[in-house]
C-alpha atoms as a PDB file:
ATOM      1  CA  UNK A   1     -20.899  31.083 -14.438  1.00  0.00           C
ATOM      2  CA  UNK A   2     -18.885  34.280 -14.862  1.00  0.00           C
ATOM      3  CA  UNK A   3     -21.860  36.279 -13.647  1.00  0.00           C
ATOM      4  CA  UNK A   4     -22.419  33.894 -10.734  1.00  0.00           C
ATOM      5  CA  UNK A   5     -18.857  34.381  -9.443  1.00  0.00           C
ATOM      6  CA  UNK A   6     -19.558  38.091  -8.961  1.00  0.00           C
ATOM      7  CA  UNK A   7     -21.646  37.127  -5.932  1.00  0.00           C
ATOM      8  CA  UNK A   8     -18.748  35.328  -4.246  1.00  0.00           C
ATOM      9  CA  UNK A   9     -18.407  36.237  -0.579  1.00  0.00           C
ATOM     10  CA  UNK A  10     -21.795  37.963  -0.429  1.00  0.00           C
ATOM     11  CA  UNK A  11     -24.504  35.352  -0.998  1.00  0.00           C
ATOM     12  CA  UNK A  12     -23.632  32.520   1.425  1.00  0.00           C
ATOM     13  CA  UNK A  13     -25.292  30.418   2.681  1.00  0.00           C
ATOM     14  CA  UNK A  14     -27.059  30.679  -0.685  1.00  0.00           C
ATOM     15  CA  UNK A  15     -25.221  29.433  -3.784  1.00  0.00           C
ATOM     16  CA  UNK A  16     -23.706  31.714  -6.407  1.00  0.00           C
ATOM     17  CA  UNK A  17     -26.010  31.804  -9.443  1.00  0.00           C
ATOM     18  CA  UNK A  18     -25.892  33.575 -12.795  1.00  0.00           C
ATOM     19  CA  UNK A  19     -28.627  33.888 -15.427  1.00  0.00           C
ATOM     20  CA  UNK A  20     -28.740  35.084 -19.046  1.00  0.00           C
ATOM     21  CA  UNK A  21     -31.848  35.602 -21.217  1.00  0.00           C
ATOM     22  CA  UNK A  22     -31.287  35.158 -24.952  1.00  0.00           C
ATOM     23  CA  UNK A  23     -33.554  35.949 -27.910  1.00  0.00           C
ATOM     24  CA  UNK A  24     -32.371  34.679 -31.291  1.00  0.00           C
ATOM     25  CA  UNK A  25     -28.687  34.727 -30.295  1.00  0.00           C
ATOM     26  CA  UNK A  26     -28.937  38.189 -28.714  1.00  0.00           C
ATOM     27  CA  UNK A  27     -28.630  38.681 -24.971  1.00  0.00           C
ATOM     28  CA  UNK A  28     -31.550  40.767 -23.771  1.00  0.00           C
ATOM     29  CA  UNK A  29     -31.041  40.286 -20.042  1.00  0.00           C
ATOM     30  CA  UNK A  30     -28.488  39.102 -17.530  1.00  0.00           C
ATOM     31  CA  UNK A  31     -28.182  38.998 -13.771  1.00  0.00           C
ATOM     32  CA  UNK A  32     -26.688  37.248 -10.771  1.00  0.00           C
ATOM     33  CA  UNK A  33     -27.522  36.687  -7.121  1.00  0.00           C
ATOM     34  CA  UNK A  34     -25.821  39.669  -5.506  1.00  0.00           C
ATOM     35  CA  UNK A  35     -26.524  39.399  -1.804  1.00  0.00           C
ATOM     36  CA  UNK A  36     -28.055  36.930   0.616  1.00  0.00           C
ATOM     37  CA  UNK A  37     -31.702  37.723   1.231  1.00  0.00           C
ATOM     38  CA  UNK A  38     -31.981  39.818  -1.927  1.00  0.00           C
ATOM     39  CA  UNK A  39     -33.288  38.991  -5.406  1.00  0.00           C
ATOM     40  CA  UNK A  40     -32.057  35.811  -7.095  1.00  0.00           C
ATOM     41  CA  UNK A  41     -30.235  35.669 -10.428  1.00  0.00           C
ATOM     42  CA  UNK A  42     -33.371  34.953 -12.484  1.00  0.00           C
ATOM     43  CA  UNK A  43     -35.185  37.954 -11.018  1.00  0.00           C
ATOM     44  CA  UNK A  44     -32.278  40.307 -11.652  1.00  0.00           C
ATOM     45  CA  UNK A  45     -31.897  38.917 -15.170  1.00  0.00           C
ATOM     46  CA  UNK A  46     -35.557  39.467 -16.095  1.00  0.00           C
ATOM     47  CA  UNK A  47     -35.613  42.883 -14.437  1.00  0.00           C
ATOM     48  CA  UNK A  48     -32.625  43.944 -16.551  1.00  0.00           C
ATOM     49  CA  UNK A  49     -34.529  43.521 -19.837  1.00  0.00           C
ATOM     50  CA  UNK A  50     -35.043  46.875 -21.542  1.00  0.00           C
ATOM     51  CA  UNK A  51     -38.598  48.084 -22.032  1.00  0.00           C
ATOM     52  CA  UNK A  52     -38.409  47.703 -25.804  1.00  0.00           C
ATOM     53  CA  UNK A  53     -37.373  44.051 -25.403  1.00  0.00           C
ATOM     54  CA  UNK A  54     -40.033  43.002 -22.883  1.00  0.00           C
ATOM     55  CA  UNK A  55     -42.240  41.655 -25.673  1.00  0.00           C
ATOM     56  CA  UNK A  56     -39.425  39.236 -26.600  1.00  0.00           C
ATOM     57  CA  UNK A  57     -39.339  37.439 -23.240  1.00  0.00           C
ATOM     58  CA  UNK A  58     -41.974  34.805 -24.236  1.00  0.00           C
ATOM     59  CA  UNK A  59     -39.824  33.868 -27.244  1.00  0.00           C
ATOM     60  CA  UNK A  60     -36.514  33.721 -25.357  1.00  0.00           C
ATOM     61  CA  UNK A  61     -34.335  31.087 -23.708  1.00  0.00           C
ATOM     62  CA  UNK A  62     -33.152  31.449 -20.130  1.00  0.00           C
ATOM     63  CA  UNK A  63     -29.710  30.070 -19.231  1.00  0.00           C
ATOM     64  CA  UNK A  64     -29.178  29.613 -15.483  1.00  0.00           C
ATOM     65  CA  UNK A  65     -26.188  28.000 -13.755  1.00  0.00           C
ATOM     66  CA  UNK A  66     -28.293  26.314 -11.041  1.00  0.00           C
ATOM     67  CA  UNK A  67     -31.815  24.916 -10.932  1.00  0.00           C
ATOM     68  CA  UNK A  68     -34.402  27.665 -10.271  1.00  0.00           C
ATOM     69  CA  UNK A  69     -35.840  27.496  -6.765  1.00  0.00           C
ATOM     70  CA  UNK A  70     -39.387  26.266  -6.200  1.00  0.00           C
ATOM     71  CA  UNK A  71     -39.967  27.279  -2.582  1.00  0.00           C
ATOM     72  CA  UNK A  72     -40.693  30.427  -0.620  1.00  0.00           C
ATOM     73  CA  UNK A  73     -37.539  31.415   1.263  1.00  0.00           C
ATOM     74  CA  UNK A  74     -36.248  34.955   1.623  1.00  0.00           C
ATOM     75  CA  UNK A  75     -37.724  35.566  -1.842  1.00  0.00           C
ATOM     76  CA  UNK A  76     -40.565  34.028  -3.933  1.00  0.00           C
ATOM     77  CA  UNK A  77     -39.905  30.946  -6.131  1.00  0.00           C
ATOM     78  CA  UNK A  78     -37.973  31.745  -9.299  1.00  0.00           C
ATOM     79  CA  UNK A  79     -39.694  28.850 -11.108  1.00  0.00           C
ATOM     80  CA  UNK A  80     -43.015  30.671 -10.642  1.00  0.00           C
ATOM     81  CA  UNK A  81     -41.566  33.851 -12.139  1.00  0.00           C
ATOM     82  CA  UNK A  82     -40.283  31.965 -15.197  1.00  0.00           C
ATOM     83  CA  UNK A  83     -43.730  30.459 -15.718  1.00  0.00           C
ATOM     84  CA  UNK A  84     -45.432  33.818 -15.170  1.00  0.00           C
ATOM     85  CA  UNK A  85     -43.204  35.467 -17.796  1.00  0.00           C
ATOM     86  CA  UNK A  86     -44.004  32.626 -20.235  1.00  0.00           C
ATOM     87  CA  UNK A  87     -40.354  31.828 -20.909  1.00  0.00           C
ATOM     88  CA  UNK A  88     -40.591  28.701 -23.092  1.00  0.00           C
ATOM     89  CA  UNK A  89     -37.139  27.161 -22.605  1.00  0.00           C
ATOM     90  CA  UNK A  90     -34.674  26.984 -19.706  1.00  0.00           C
ATOM     91  CA  UNK A  91     -31.100  25.659 -19.865  1.00  0.00           C
ATOM     92  CA  UNK A  92     -29.973  24.500 -16.398  1.00  0.00           C
ATOM     93  CA  UNK A  93     -26.329  23.999 -15.465  1.00  0.00           C
ATOM     94  CA  UNK A  94     -27.000  21.545 -12.638  1.00  0.00           C
ATOM     95  CA  UNK A  95     -29.602  20.539 -10.082  1.00  0.00           C
ATOM     96  CA  UNK A  96     -29.798  22.173  -6.682  1.00  0.00           C
ATOM     97  CA  UNK A  97     -29.010  19.650  -3.883  1.00  0.00           C
ATOM     98  CA  UNK A  98     -30.837  21.718  -1.233  1.00  0.00           C
ATOM     99  CA  UNK A  99     -33.724  19.553  -0.013  1.00  0.00           C
ATOM    100  CA  UNK A 100     -36.290  22.344  -0.529  1.00  0.00           C
ATOM    101  CA  UNK A 101     -35.382  22.439  -4.231  1.00  0.00           C
ATOM    102  CA  UNK A 102     -33.575  19.276  -5.473  1.00  0.00           C
ATOM    103  CA  UNK A 103     -35.525  18.713  -8.672  1.00  0.00           C
ATOM    104  CA  UNK A 104     -38.703  20.469  -7.577  1.00  0.00           C
ATOM    105  CA  UNK A 105     -37.928  23.592  -9.594  1.00  0.00           C
ATOM    106  CA  UNK A 106     -37.324  21.576 -12.756  1.00  0.00           C
ATOM    107  CA  UNK A 107     -40.452  19.510 -12.102  1.00  0.00           C
ATOM    108  CA  UNK A 108     -42.563  22.634 -11.695  1.00  0.00           C
ATOM    109  CA  UNK A 109     -41.263  24.067 -14.973  1.00  0.00           C
ATOM    110  CA  UNK A 110     -41.885  20.832 -16.867  1.00  0.00           C
ATOM    111  CA  UNK A 111     -45.446  20.580 -15.546  1.00  0.00           C
ATOM    112  CA  UNK A 112     -46.083  24.109 -16.810  1.00  0.00           C
ATOM    113  CA  UNK A 113     -44.949  23.120 -20.297  1.00  0.00           C
ATOM    114  CA  UNK A 114     -41.513  24.738 -20.150  1.00  0.00           C
ATOM    115  CA  UNK A 115     -38.794  22.911 -22.074  1.00  0.00           C
ATOM    116  CA  UNK A 116     -35.906  22.186 -19.712  1.00  0.00           C
ATOM    117  CA  UNK A 117     -32.400  21.115 -20.736  1.00  0.00           C
ATOM    118  CA  UNK A 118     -30.434  19.846 -17.743  1.00  0.00           C
ATOM    119  CA  UNK A 119     -26.806  19.349 -16.711  1.00  0.00           C
ATOM    120  CA  UNK A 120     -25.074  21.617 -19.222  1.00  0.00           C
ATOM    121  CA  UNK A 121     -21.488  21.999 -17.895  1.00  0.00           C
ATOM    122  CA  UNK A 122     -22.714  20.089 -14.837  1.00  0.00           C
ATOM    123  CA  UNK A 123     -19.270  19.460 -13.311  1.00  0.00           C
ATOM    124  CA  UNK A 124     -18.163  23.078 -13.726  1.00  0.00           C
ATOM    125  CA  UNK A 125     -21.407  24.374 -12.260  1.00  0.00           C
ATOM    126  CA  UNK A 126     -21.046  22.072  -9.260  1.00  0.00           C
ATOM    127  CA  UNK A 127     -17.410  23.117  -8.813  1.00  0.00           C
ATOM    128  CA  UNK A 128     -18.519  26.753  -8.826  1.00  0.00           C
ATOM    129  CA  UNK A 129     -20.593  26.066  -5.710  1.00  0.00           C
ATOM    130  CA  UNK A 130     -18.401  23.380  -4.141  1.00  0.00           C
ATOM    131  CA  UNK A 131     -18.987  24.815  -0.661  1.00  0.00           C
ATOM    132  CA  UNK A 132     -22.766  24.732  -1.088  1.00  0.00           C
ATOM    133  CA  UNK A 133     -22.727  21.236  -2.603  1.00  0.00           C
ATOM    134  CA  UNK A 134     -20.391  19.830   0.073  1.00  0.00           C
ATOM    135  CA  UNK A 135     -22.585  21.230   2.836  1.00  0.00           C
ATOM    136  CA  UNK A 136     -25.813  19.787   1.430  1.00  0.00           C
ATOM    137  CA  UNK A 137     -24.487  16.438   0.168  1.00  0.00           C
ATOM    138  CA  UNK A 138     -21.837  15.566   2.781  1.00  0.00           C
ATOM    139  CA  UNK A 139     -23.531  17.389   5.676  1.00  0.00           C
ATOM    140  CA  UNK A 140     -20.411  19.246   6.708  1.00  0.00           C
ATOM    141  CA  UNK A 141     -18.669  22.487   5.776  1.00  0.00           C
ATOM    142  CA  UNK A 142     -16.161  22.747   2.935  1.00  0.00           C
ATOM    143  CA  UNK A 143     -12.763  22.711   4.659  1.00  0.00           C
ATOM    144  CA  UNK A 144      -9.722  24.635   3.406  1.00  0.00           C
ATOM    145  CA  UNK A 145      -6.397  24.253   5.216  1.00  0.00           C
ATOM    146  CA  UNK A 146      -3.807  27.009   4.883  1.00  0.00           C
ATOM    147  CA  UNK A 147      -0.336  27.687   6.216  1.00  0.00           C
ATOM    148  CA  UNK A 148       2.878  29.486   5.312  1.00  0.00           C
ATOM    149  CA  UNK A 149       6.241  27.796   5.644  1.00  0.00           C
ATOM    150  CA  UNK A 150       9.917  28.557   5.143  1.00  0.00           C
ATOM    151  CA  UNK A 151      12.072  26.808   2.563  1.00  0.00           C
ATOM    152  CA  UNK A 152      13.082  24.316   5.291  1.00  0.00           C
ATOM    153  CA  UNK A 153       9.416  23.538   6.060  1.00  0.00           C
ATOM    154  CA  UNK A 154       9.084  25.480   9.323  1.00  0.00           C
ATOM    155  CA  UNK A 155       5.993  27.509  10.171  1.00  0.00           C
ATOM    156  CA  UNK A 156       7.327  29.495  13.105  1.00  0.00           C
ATOM    157  CA  UNK A 157       9.822  29.759  15.931  1.00  0.00           C
ATOM    158  CA  UNK A 158       9.873  27.405  18.894  1.00  0.00           C
ATOM    159  CA  UNK A 159       9.907  30.240  21.464  1.00  0.00           C
ATOM    160  CA  UNK A 160       6.628  31.857  20.412  1.00  0.00           C
ATOM    161  CA  UNK A 161       8.283  34.745  18.571  1.00  0.00           C
ATOM    162  CA  UNK A 162       6.191  35.730  15.559  1.00  0.00           C
ATOM    163  CA  UNK A 163       7.922  35.339  12.203  1.00  0.00           C
ATOM    164  CA  UNK A 164       6.411  36.859   9.075  1.00  0.00           C
ATOM    165  CA  UNK A 165       6.858  34.231   6.393  1.00  0.00           C
ATOM    166  CA  UNK A 166       4.704  35.286   3.429  1.00  0.00           C
ATOM    167  CA  UNK A 167       5.262  38.600   1.629  1.00  0.00           C
ATOM    168  CA  UNK A 168       2.859  41.547   1.645  1.00  0.00           C
ATOM    169  CA  UNK A 169       1.326  40.671  -1.730  1.00  0.00           C
ATOM    170  CA  UNK A 170       0.583  37.111  -0.666  1.00  0.00           C
ATOM    171  CA  UNK A 171      -0.935  38.499   2.541  1.00  0.00           C
ATOM    172  CA  UNK A 172      -3.474  40.382   0.442  1.00  0.00           C
ATOM    173  CA  UNK A 173      -4.344  37.175  -1.367  1.00  0.00           C
ATOM    174  CA  UNK A 174      -4.832  35.435   1.979  1.00  0.00           C
ATOM    175  CA  UNK A 175      -7.299  38.151   2.980  1.00  0.00           C
ATOM    176  CA  UNK A 176      -9.139  37.536  -0.281  1.00  0.00           C
ATOM    177  CA  UNK A 177      -9.306  33.851   0.669  1.00  0.00           C
ATOM    178  CA  UNK A 178     -10.760  34.843   4.034  1.00  0.00           C
ATOM    179  CA  UNK A 179     -13.480  36.883   2.334  1.00  0.00           C
ATOM    180  CA  UNK A 180     -14.521  33.792   0.347  1.00  0.00           C
ATOM    181  CA  UNK A 181     -15.137  31.571   3.378  1.00  0.00           C
ATOM    182  CA  UNK A 182     -17.919  31.659   5.963  1.00  0.00           C
ATOM    183  CA  UNK A 183     -15.551  31.127   8.890  1.00  0.00           C
ATOM    184  CA  UNK A 184     -11.892  31.017   9.910  1.00  0.00           C
ATOM    185  CA  UNK A 185     -10.425  28.710  12.573  1.00  0.00           C
ATOM    186  CA  UNK A 186      -7.309  28.916  14.759  1.00  0.00           C
ATOM    187  CA  UNK A 187      -6.050  27.073  17.822  1.00  0.00           C
ATOM    188  CA  UNK A 188      -5.156  28.333  21.280  1.00  0.00           C
ATOM    189  CA  UNK A 189      -1.427  28.938  20.731  1.00  0.00           C
ATOM    190  CA  UNK A 190      -1.957  30.753  17.440  1.00  0.00           C
ATOM    191  CA  UNK A 191      -4.378  33.143  19.124  1.00  0.00           C
ATOM    192  CA  UNK A 192      -2.035  33.588  22.094  1.00  0.00           C
ATOM    193  CA  UNK A 193       1.274  34.150  20.323  1.00  0.00           C
ATOM    194  CA  UNK A 194       0.165  35.791  17.060  1.00  0.00           C
ATOM    195  CA  UNK A 195      -2.853  37.700  18.439  1.00  0.00           C
ATOM    196  CA  UNK A 196      -4.548  37.723  14.990  1.00  0.00           C
ATOM    197  CA  UNK A 197      -7.715  39.688  14.265  1.00  0.00           C
ATOM    198  CA  UNK A 198      -8.715  37.278  11.472  1.00  0.00           C
ATOM    199  CA  UNK A 199     -10.500  39.856   9.339  1.00  0.00           C
ATOM    200  CA  UNK A 200     -10.232  41.032   5.721  1.00  0.00           C
ATOM    201  CA  UNK A 201      -8.699  44.459   6.297  1.00  0.00           C
ATOM    202  CA  UNK A 202      -6.416  43.979   3.252  1.00  0.00           C
ATOM    203  CA  UNK A 203      -9.315  43.091   0.943  1.00  0.00           C
ATOM    204  CA  UNK A 204     -12.804  44.345   0.171  1.00  0.00           C
ATOM    205  CA  UNK A 205     -15.302  41.806   1.475  1.00  0.00           C
ATOM    206  CA  UNK A 206     -17.146  40.418   4.456  1.00  0.00           C
ATOM    207  CA  UNK A 207     -15.285  39.276   7.553  1.00  0.00           C
ATOM    208  CA  UNK A 208     -15.622  35.535   8.223  1.00  0.00           C
ATOM    209  CA  UNK A 209     -16.987  34.246  11.516  1.00  0.00           C
ATOM    210  CA  UNK A 210     -13.981  33.723  13.787  1.00  0.00           C
ATOM    211  CA  UNK A 211     -13.592  30.262  15.322  1.00  0.00           C
ATOM    212  CA  UNK A 212     -11.253  29.545  18.219  1.00  0.00           C
ATOM    213  CA  UNK A 213     -10.308  26.338  20.024  1.00  0.00           C
ATOM    214  CA  UNK A 214      -9.669  27.169  23.685  1.00  0.00           C
ATOM    215  CA  UNK A 215     -10.654  24.047  25.581  1.00  0.00           C
ATOM    216  CA  UNK A 216      -9.815  25.378  29.063  1.00  0.00           C
ATOM    217  CA  UNK A 217     -10.770  29.027  28.403  1.00  0.00           C
ATOM    218  CA  UNK A 218      -7.303  30.191  29.362  1.00  0.00           C
ATOM    219  CA  UNK A 219      -6.997  33.000  26.817  1.00  0.00           C
ATOM    220  CA  UNK A 220      -7.436  36.637  27.809  1.00  0.00           C
ATOM    221  CA  UNK A 221     -10.477  38.334  26.297  1.00  0.00           C
ATOM    222  CA  UNK A 222      -8.234  41.326  25.580  1.00  0.00           C
ATOM    223  CA  UNK A 223      -6.912  39.481  22.517  1.00  0.00           C
ATOM    224  CA  UNK A 224      -8.000  40.868  19.142  1.00  0.00           C
ATOM    225  CA  UNK A 225     -10.005  37.758  18.309  1.00  0.00           C
ATOM    226  CA  UNK A 226     -12.457  38.710  21.057  1.00  0.00           C
ATOM    227  CA  UNK A 227     -13.181  42.235  19.778  1.00  0.00           C
ATOM    228  CA  UNK A 228     -16.659  43.107  18.547  1.00  0.00           C
ATOM    229  CA  UNK A 229     -15.757  43.597  14.871  1.00  0.00           C
ATOM    230  CA  UNK A 230     -17.164  40.202  13.917  1.00  0.00           C
ATOM    231  CA  UNK A 231     -18.765  37.184  15.567  1.00  0.00           C
ATOM    232  CA  UNK A 232     -16.498  34.743  17.398  1.00  0.00           C
ATOM    233  CA  UNK A 233     -17.268  31.157  18.403  1.00  0.00           C
ATOM    234  CA  UNK A 234     -15.087  29.655  21.138  1.00  0.00           C
ATOM    235  CA  UNK A 235     -14.997  25.856  21.237  1.00  0.00           C
ATOM    236  CA  UNK A 236     -14.330  24.857  24.837  1.00  0.00           C
ATOM    237  CA  UNK A 237     -14.999  22.136  27.419  1.00  0.00           C
ATOM    238  CA  UNK A 238     -16.394  24.366  30.170  1.00  0.00           C
ATOM    239  CA  UNK A 239     -19.526  26.276  29.157  1.00  0.00           C
ATOM    240  CA  UNK A 240     -22.140  26.808  26.475  1.00  0.00           C
ATOM    241  CA  UNK A 241     -23.534  30.337  26.396  1.00  0.00           C
ATOM    242  CA  UNK A 242     -23.827  33.420  24.208  1.00  0.00           C
ATOM    243  CA  UNK A 243     -22.600  36.882  25.169  1.00  0.00           C
ATOM    244  CA  UNK A 244     -23.179  39.651  22.636  1.00  0.00           C
ATOM    245  CA  UNK A 245     -20.936  38.717  19.671  1.00  0.00           C
ATOM    246  CA  UNK A 246     -19.337  35.741  21.444  1.00  0.00           C
ATOM    247  CA  UNK A 247     -20.681  32.200  21.417  1.00  0.00           C
ATOM    248  CA  UNK A 248     -19.096  29.746  23.829  1.00  0.00           C
ATOM    249  CA  UNK A 249     -19.727  26.331  22.277  1.00  0.00           C
ATOM    250  CA  UNK A 250     -19.087  23.418  24.613  1.00  0.00           C
ATOM    251  CA  UNK A 251     -17.422  20.249  23.342  1.00  0.00           C
ATOM    252  CA  UNK A 252     -15.694  17.404  25.159  1.00  0.00           C
ATOM    253  CA  UNK A 253     -12.059  16.326  25.409  1.00  0.00           C
ATOM    254  CA  UNK A 254     -12.737  12.598  25.143  1.00  0.00           C
ATOM    255  CA  UNK A 255     -14.009  12.656  21.541  1.00  0.00           C
ATOM    256  CA  UNK A 256     -12.287  13.908  18.377  1.00  0.00           C
ATOM    257  CA  UNK A 257     -12.220  17.703  18.607  1.00  0.00           C
ATOM    258  CA  UNK A 258     -12.080  17.955  14.806  1.00  0.00           C
ATOM    259  CA  UNK A 259     -15.247  15.882  14.356  1.00  0.00           C
ATOM    260  CA  UNK A 260     -17.053  17.856  17.040  1.00  0.00           C
ATOM    261  CA  UNK A 261     -16.116  21.183  15.424  1.00  0.00           C
ATOM    262  CA  UNK A 262     -17.165  19.983  11.971  1.00  0.00           C
ATOM    263  CA  UNK A 263     -20.509  18.719  13.299  1.00  0.00           C
ATOM    264  CA  UNK A 264     -21.070  21.951  15.208  1.00  0.00           C
ATOM    265  CA  UNK A 265     -20.422  24.052  12.103  1.00  0.00           C
ATOM    266  CA  UNK A 266     -22.933  21.985  10.151  1.00  0.00           C
ATOM    267  CA  UNK A 267     -25.621  22.494  12.799  1.00  0.00           C
ATOM    268  CA  UNK A 268     -24.752  26.200  12.945  1.00  0.00           C
ATOM    269  CA  UNK A 269     -25.267  26.295   9.143  1.00  0.00           C
ATOM    270  CA  UNK A 270     -21.710  27.500   8.503  1.00  0.00           C
ATOM    271  CA  UNK A 271     -20.879  26.208   5.027  1.00  0.00           C
ATOM    272  CA  UNK A 272     -17.109  26.627   4.869  1.00  0.00           C
ATOM    273  CA  UNK A 273     -14.085  27.094   7.092  1.00  0.00           C
ATOM    274  CA  UNK A 274     -10.524  28.257   6.472  1.00  0.00           C
ATOM    275  CA  UNK A 275      -8.209  26.602   9.008  1.00  0.00           C
ATOM    276  CA  UNK A 276      -5.181  28.864   9.517  1.00  0.00           C
ATOM    277  CA  UNK A 277      -3.361  27.171  12.386  1.00  0.00           C
ATOM    278  CA  UNK A 278      -1.598  26.151  14.364  1.00  0.00           C
ATOM    279  CA  UNK A 279       0.372  23.129  13.334  1.00  0.00           C
ATOM    280  CA  UNK A 280      -1.302  20.662  15.718  1.00  0.00           C
ATOM    281  CA  UNK A 281      -4.811  21.704  14.696  1.00  0.00           C
ATOM    282  CA  UNK A 282      -3.960  21.551  10.996  1.00  0.00           C
ATOM    283  CA  UNK A 283      -2.332  18.137  11.401  1.00  0.00           C
ATOM    284  CA  UNK A 284      -5.419  16.867  13.227  1.00  0.00           C
ATOM    285  CA  UNK A 285      -7.601  17.683  10.213  1.00  0.00           C
ATOM    286  CA  UNK A 286      -5.057  15.997   7.937  1.00  0.00           C
ATOM    287  CA  UNK A 287      -4.674  12.876  10.077  1.00  0.00           C
ATOM    288  CA  UNK A 288      -8.442  12.406  10.278  1.00  0.00           C
ATOM    289  CA  UNK A 289      -8.801  12.998   6.538  1.00  0.00           C
ATOM    290  CA  UNK A 290     -11.340  15.771   7.032  1.00  0.00           C
ATOM    291  CA  UNK A 291     -10.329  18.413   4.526  1.00  0.00           C
ATOM    292  CA  UNK A 292     -11.136  19.317   0.940  1.00  0.00           C
ATOM    293  CA  UNK A 293      -8.405  21.728  -0.114  1.00  0.00           C
ATOM    294  CA  UNK A 294      -4.999  22.807   1.193  1.00  0.00           C
ATOM    295  CA  UNK A 295      -3.078  25.945   0.241  1.00  0.00           C
ATOM    296  CA  UNK A 296       0.579  26.105   1.225  1.00  0.00           C
ATOM    297  CA  UNK A 297       2.598  29.303   0.920  1.00  0.00           C
ATOM    298  CA  UNK A 298       6.319  28.487   0.674  1.00  0.00           C
ATOM    299  CA  UNK A 299       8.877  31.271   1.068  1.00  0.00           C
ATOM    300  CA  UNK A 300      11.842  30.030  -0.950  1.00  0.00           C
ATOM    301  CA  UNK A 301      14.184  32.689   0.449  1.00  0.00           C
ATOM    302  CA  UNK A 302      13.559  32.111   4.172  1.00  0.00           C
ATOM    303  CA  UNK A 303      15.344  29.574   6.369  1.00  0.00           C
ATOM    304  CA  UNK A 304      14.284  29.293  10.018  1.00  0.00           C
ATOM    305  CA  UNK A 305      16.404  26.278  11.078  1.00  0.00           C
ATOM    306  CA  UNK A 306      15.351  25.617  14.668  1.00  0.00           C
ATOM    307  CA  UNK A 307      11.589  26.099  14.337  1.00  0.00           C
ATOM    308  CA  UNK A 308       8.177  24.451  14.393  1.00  0.00           C
ATOM    309  CA  UNK A 309       7.714  21.799  11.741  1.00  0.00           C
ATOM    310  CA  UNK A 310       5.037  22.418   9.143  1.00  0.00           C
ATOM    311  CA  UNK A 311       2.129  19.952   8.903  1.00  0.00           C
ATOM    312  CA  UNK A 312       2.568  16.985   6.585  1.00  0.00           C
ATOM    313  CA  UNK A 313      -0.139  16.291   4.000  1.00  0.00           C
ATOM    314  CA  UNK A 314      -1.544  12.848   3.224  1.00  0.00           C
ATOM    315  CA  UNK A 315      -3.536  11.652   0.206  1.00  0.00           C
ATOM    316  CA  UNK A 316      -3.087  14.949  -1.579  1.00  0.00           C
ATOM    317  CA  UNK A 317      -3.064  15.890  -5.259  1.00  0.00           C
ATOM    318  CA  UNK A 318      -1.520  19.096  -6.538  1.00  0.00           C
ATOM    319  CA  UNK A 319      -3.962  20.860  -8.869  1.00  0.00           C
ATOM    320  CA  UNK A 320      -2.530  24.372  -9.137  1.00  0.00           C
ATOM    321  CA  UNK A 321       0.583  26.400  -8.304  1.00  0.00           C
ATOM    322  CA  UNK A 322       1.555  30.040  -8.655  1.00  0.00           C
ATOM    323  CA  UNK A 323       4.416  32.328  -7.696  1.00  0.00           C
ATOM    324  CA  UNK A 324       4.145  35.736  -6.028  1.00  0.00           C
ATOM    325  CA  UNK A 325       7.722  37.048  -5.882  1.00  0.00           C
ATOM    326  CA  UNK A 326       9.508  35.016  -3.160  1.00  0.00           C
ATOM    327  CA  UNK A 327       6.423  32.960  -2.382  1.00  0.00           C
ATOM    328  CA  UNK A 328       5.276  29.828  -4.165  1.00  0.00           C
ATOM    329  CA  UNK A 329       1.657  28.889  -3.475  1.00  0.00           C
ATOM    330  CA  UNK A 330       0.663  25.258  -3.975  1.00  0.00           C
ATOM    331  CA  UNK A 331      -2.966  24.140  -4.064  1.00  0.00           C
ATOM    332  CA  UNK A 332      -3.856  20.569  -3.178  1.00  0.00           C
ATOM    333  CA  UNK A 333      -7.103  18.586  -3.093  1.00  0.00           C
ATOM    334  CA  UNK A 334      -7.906  15.593  -0.919  1.00  0.00           C
ATOM    335  CA  UNK A 335      -7.976  12.463  -3.056  1.00  0.00           C
ATOM    336  CA  UNK A 336     -10.375  10.800  -0.599  1.00  0.00           C
ATOM    337  CA  UNK A 337     -13.057  13.524  -0.663  1.00  0.00           C
END
């Protein structure tokens, strides 16, 4: 699982996977899925075995955090490679819910005479790939809500003036969060008044796909969110067309915008979304109960007084908290998801 996490931010929409090959209590190979479209964890693990240890592979045990694939995708089936290398025993963390795998890899190994031990640290392995599992079992992206608020629970001024609430160290953490998600969503007013670029310039990683709600297409394309540094999807009620790095995705005003966005992201195969604002959009996700995790940055030293009220959570459970100087970050999960 430690190896698997090294692929975070680089392998989506594939899951993070780690693999270790052990011969008589000695690790002779290890690997992880490093990049989407490239070799899987099992391949990298077997390829890492030193020449003098190759003869030990048929007497070794392979530990892998997720069921080996059994289908031809971007790469050949890992189950076939395990059989080819005559590895006699495989320890599997959990099954793969993807319909092209979902037990087929384990079945193929068993039919070839490989001993398979399943569901070792099953819950932890599923938690590791919660975005992947949510997408394939609930048929929607994993949804993370995030906002920063003052000590009096305000998220901004009422006149559109931008107020920097979180400190510079927390801002770096937020950019790390962005690198871990497939997409990032903001509403019309946030794009207009804050003019965010929504990239990971303060962290080393891939930029998420930018998502914008602009139902009447009233925003100027001179805003940073429309630059060509990463793909942008504009949810609107007027047109559906693609222009270079911009996708105008048409939805309607008479049906829940949140549900339409979530359904669109599923069909676009976008596995996770970080919702960064504004308050109305965040509250809509909360009110409709469509969220998995919320991260609230609270600046205990800042008082705004006459400002915009922060969203109000419902059915939440605090599962982690940390302090970064003046900021306290609270992590909540949705009790109904």
